N, C-alpha and C. Protein backbone atom coordinates (compact mmCIF):
# COMPACT_ATOMS: atom_id res chain seq x y z
N UNK A 1 0.84 -1.17 0.00
CA UNK A 1 0.00 0.00 0.00
C UNK A 1 0.89 1.23 0.00
N UNK A 2 0.51 2.21 -0.77
CA UNK A 2 1.22 3.48 -0.79
C UNK A 2 0.53 4.41 0.20
N UNK A 3 1.25 4.81 1.22
CA UNK A 3 0.63 5.65 2.26
C UNK A 3 0.06 6.94 1.70
N UNK A 4 0.64 7.44 0.65
CA UNK A 4 0.15 8.69 0.08
C UNK A 4 -0.82 8.46 -1.08
N UNK A 5 -1.36 7.28 -1.22
CA UNK A 5 -2.32 7.01 -2.28
C UNK A 5 -1.66 6.59 -3.57
N UNK A 6 -2.50 6.34 -4.57
CA UNK A 6 -1.98 5.80 -5.83
C UNK A 6 -1.76 6.84 -6.92
N UNK A 7 -2.32 8.03 -6.79
CA UNK A 7 -2.24 8.96 -7.91
C UNK A 7 -0.89 9.65 -8.03
N UNK A 8 -0.31 10.06 -6.91
CA UNK A 8 0.93 10.83 -6.95
C UNK A 8 0.72 12.27 -7.38
N UNK A 9 -0.53 12.68 -7.49
CA UNK A 9 -0.85 14.03 -7.94
C UNK A 9 -1.51 14.79 -6.80
N UNK A 10 -0.82 15.77 -6.19
CA UNK A 10 -1.44 16.53 -5.10
C UNK A 10 -2.77 17.13 -5.55
N UNK A 11 -3.78 17.02 -4.68
CA UNK A 11 -5.10 17.54 -5.00
C UNK A 11 -6.03 16.50 -5.60
N UNK A 12 -5.47 15.38 -6.08
CA UNK A 12 -6.29 14.30 -6.64
C UNK A 12 -6.99 13.56 -5.50
N UNK A 13 -8.23 13.10 -5.69
CA UNK A 13 -8.94 12.37 -4.63
C UNK A 13 -8.19 11.15 -4.10
N UNK A 14 -7.36 10.54 -4.90
CA UNK A 14 -6.61 9.35 -4.48
C UNK A 14 -5.21 9.68 -3.95
N UNK A 15 -4.87 10.94 -3.85
CA UNK A 15 -3.51 11.31 -3.44
C UNK A 15 -3.20 10.86 -2.01
N UNK A 16 -4.12 11.09 -1.09
CA UNK A 16 -3.83 10.76 0.31
C UNK A 16 -4.89 9.86 0.95
N UNK A 17 -5.56 9.07 0.13
CA UNK A 17 -6.66 8.26 0.64
C UNK A 17 -6.23 7.00 1.40
N UNK A 18 -4.94 6.73 1.48
CA UNK A 18 -4.47 5.53 2.19
C UNK A 18 -3.80 5.83 3.53
N UNK A 19 -3.64 7.09 3.85
CA UNK A 19 -2.89 7.44 5.06
C UNK A 19 -3.50 6.85 6.33
N UNK A 20 -4.82 7.01 6.51
CA UNK A 20 -5.46 6.50 7.73
C UNK A 20 -5.31 4.98 7.84
N UNK A 21 -5.52 4.26 6.74
CA UNK A 21 -5.37 2.80 6.76
C UNK A 21 -3.92 2.42 7.06
N UNK A 22 -2.98 3.10 6.46
CA UNK A 22 -1.56 2.82 6.67
C UNK A 22 -1.17 3.01 8.14
N UNK A 23 -1.59 4.13 8.71
CA UNK A 23 -1.26 4.41 10.12
C UNK A 23 -1.92 3.43 11.07
N UNK A 24 -3.09 2.92 10.71
CA UNK A 24 -3.80 1.95 11.55
C UNK A 24 -3.35 0.52 11.32
N UNK A 25 -2.45 0.31 10.34
CA UNK A 25 -1.96 -1.04 10.06
C UNK A 25 -2.95 -1.88 9.25
N UNK A 26 -3.91 -1.23 8.60
CA UNK A 26 -4.89 -1.96 7.78
C UNK A 26 -4.38 -2.10 6.36
N UNK A 27 -4.87 -3.14 5.70
CA UNK A 27 -4.52 -3.40 4.31
C UNK A 27 -5.77 -3.32 3.45
N UNK A 28 -5.57 -3.14 2.17
CA UNK A 28 -6.66 -3.17 1.20
C UNK A 28 -6.45 -4.40 0.33
N UNK A 29 -7.55 -4.97 -0.18
CA UNK A 29 -7.40 -6.18 -0.99
C UNK A 29 -6.67 -5.90 -2.30
N UNK A 30 -5.90 -6.88 -2.74
CA UNK A 30 -5.23 -6.80 -4.03
C UNK A 30 -6.06 -7.62 -5.00
N UNK A 31 -6.62 -6.97 -6.00
CA UNK A 31 -7.53 -7.62 -6.93
C UNK A 31 -6.75 -8.31 -8.04
N UNK A 32 -7.04 -9.59 -8.27
CA UNK A 32 -6.30 -10.38 -9.25
C UNK A 32 -7.12 -10.74 -10.48
N UNK A 33 -8.41 -10.98 -10.29
CA UNK A 33 -9.21 -11.44 -11.43
C UNK A 33 -9.81 -10.27 -12.18
N UNK A 34 -10.04 -10.47 -13.46
CA UNK A 34 -10.66 -9.42 -14.28
C UNK A 34 -12.02 -9.04 -13.72
N UNK A 35 -12.80 -10.01 -13.29
CA UNK A 35 -14.13 -9.74 -12.75
C UNK A 35 -14.04 -8.87 -11.49
N UNK A 36 -13.10 -9.17 -10.61
CA UNK A 36 -12.94 -8.38 -9.38
C UNK A 36 -12.49 -6.96 -9.70
N UNK A 37 -11.59 -6.82 -10.65
CA UNK A 37 -11.10 -5.50 -11.04
C UNK A 37 -12.22 -4.68 -11.66
N UNK A 38 -12.98 -5.28 -12.58
CA UNK A 38 -14.07 -4.56 -13.22
C UNK A 38 -15.16 -4.19 -12.22
N UNK A 39 -15.41 -5.05 -11.24
CA UNK A 39 -16.43 -4.76 -10.24
C UNK A 39 -16.02 -3.59 -9.34
N UNK A 40 -14.73 -3.45 -9.10
CA UNK A 40 -14.24 -2.38 -8.22
C UNK A 40 -13.87 -1.10 -8.96
N UNK A 41 -13.82 -1.15 -10.29
CA UNK A 41 -13.39 0.00 -11.08
C UNK A 41 -14.35 1.18 -10.93
N UNK A 42 -13.78 2.35 -10.77
CA UNK A 42 -14.57 3.57 -10.69
C UNK A 42 -14.65 4.25 -12.05
N UNK A 43 -13.60 4.13 -12.84
CA UNK A 43 -13.56 4.70 -14.19
C UNK A 43 -12.71 3.80 -15.07
N UNK A 44 -12.71 4.08 -16.37
CA UNK A 44 -11.87 3.35 -17.30
C UNK A 44 -11.21 4.36 -18.24
N UNK A 45 -9.92 4.25 -18.41
CA UNK A 45 -9.17 5.10 -19.32
C UNK A 45 -8.72 4.26 -20.50
N UNK A 46 -9.09 4.68 -21.71
CA UNK A 46 -8.72 3.96 -22.92
C UNK A 46 -7.75 4.84 -23.69
N UNK A 47 -6.58 4.32 -23.99
CA UNK A 47 -5.58 5.03 -24.78
C UNK A 47 -5.55 4.43 -26.18
N UNK A 48 -5.69 5.29 -27.18
CA UNK A 48 -5.66 4.83 -28.56
C UNK A 48 -4.97 5.89 -29.40
N UNK A 49 -4.21 5.44 -30.40
CA UNK A 49 -3.56 6.41 -31.28
C UNK A 49 -4.61 7.03 -32.19
N UNK A 50 -4.39 8.26 -32.59
CA UNK A 50 -5.37 8.94 -33.44
C UNK A 50 -5.42 8.27 -34.80
N UNK A 51 -6.61 8.20 -35.36
CA UNK A 51 -6.79 7.60 -36.67
C UNK A 51 -6.86 6.09 -36.66
N UNK A 52 -6.64 5.47 -35.52
CA UNK A 52 -6.71 4.02 -35.43
C UNK A 52 -8.02 3.63 -34.78
N UNK A 53 -8.85 2.86 -35.47
CA UNK A 53 -10.11 2.43 -34.85
C UNK A 53 -9.80 1.57 -33.63
N UNK A 54 -10.62 1.71 -32.62
CA UNK A 54 -10.42 0.89 -31.42
C UNK A 54 -11.63 0.02 -31.16
N UNK A 55 -11.38 -1.12 -30.63
CA UNK A 55 -12.46 -2.03 -30.27
C UNK A 55 -13.17 -1.50 -29.04
N UNK A 56 -14.43 -1.83 -28.88
CA UNK A 56 -15.16 -1.37 -27.70
C UNK A 56 -14.73 -2.15 -26.46
N UNK A 57 -14.28 -3.34 -26.63
CA UNK A 57 -13.79 -4.17 -25.51
C UNK A 57 -12.42 -4.72 -25.86
N UNK A 58 -11.53 -4.80 -24.88
CA UNK A 58 -10.21 -5.40 -25.15
C UNK A 58 -10.33 -6.85 -25.59
N UNK A 59 -9.39 -7.27 -26.40
CA UNK A 59 -9.42 -8.66 -26.92
C UNK A 59 -9.06 -9.64 -25.85
């Protein structure tokens, strides 16, 4: 766990969201399966080069 969150960007909602858990010695689950990751996802970022058609779902 990163005590200062996962974003690394000051002011981002995830910048310091792990401090309380870190100080209390709590852990967060590490998601391994695609289903678990998709169920916990808050957003999705898709990167595609311009002019290249992209599939709606990853292969």
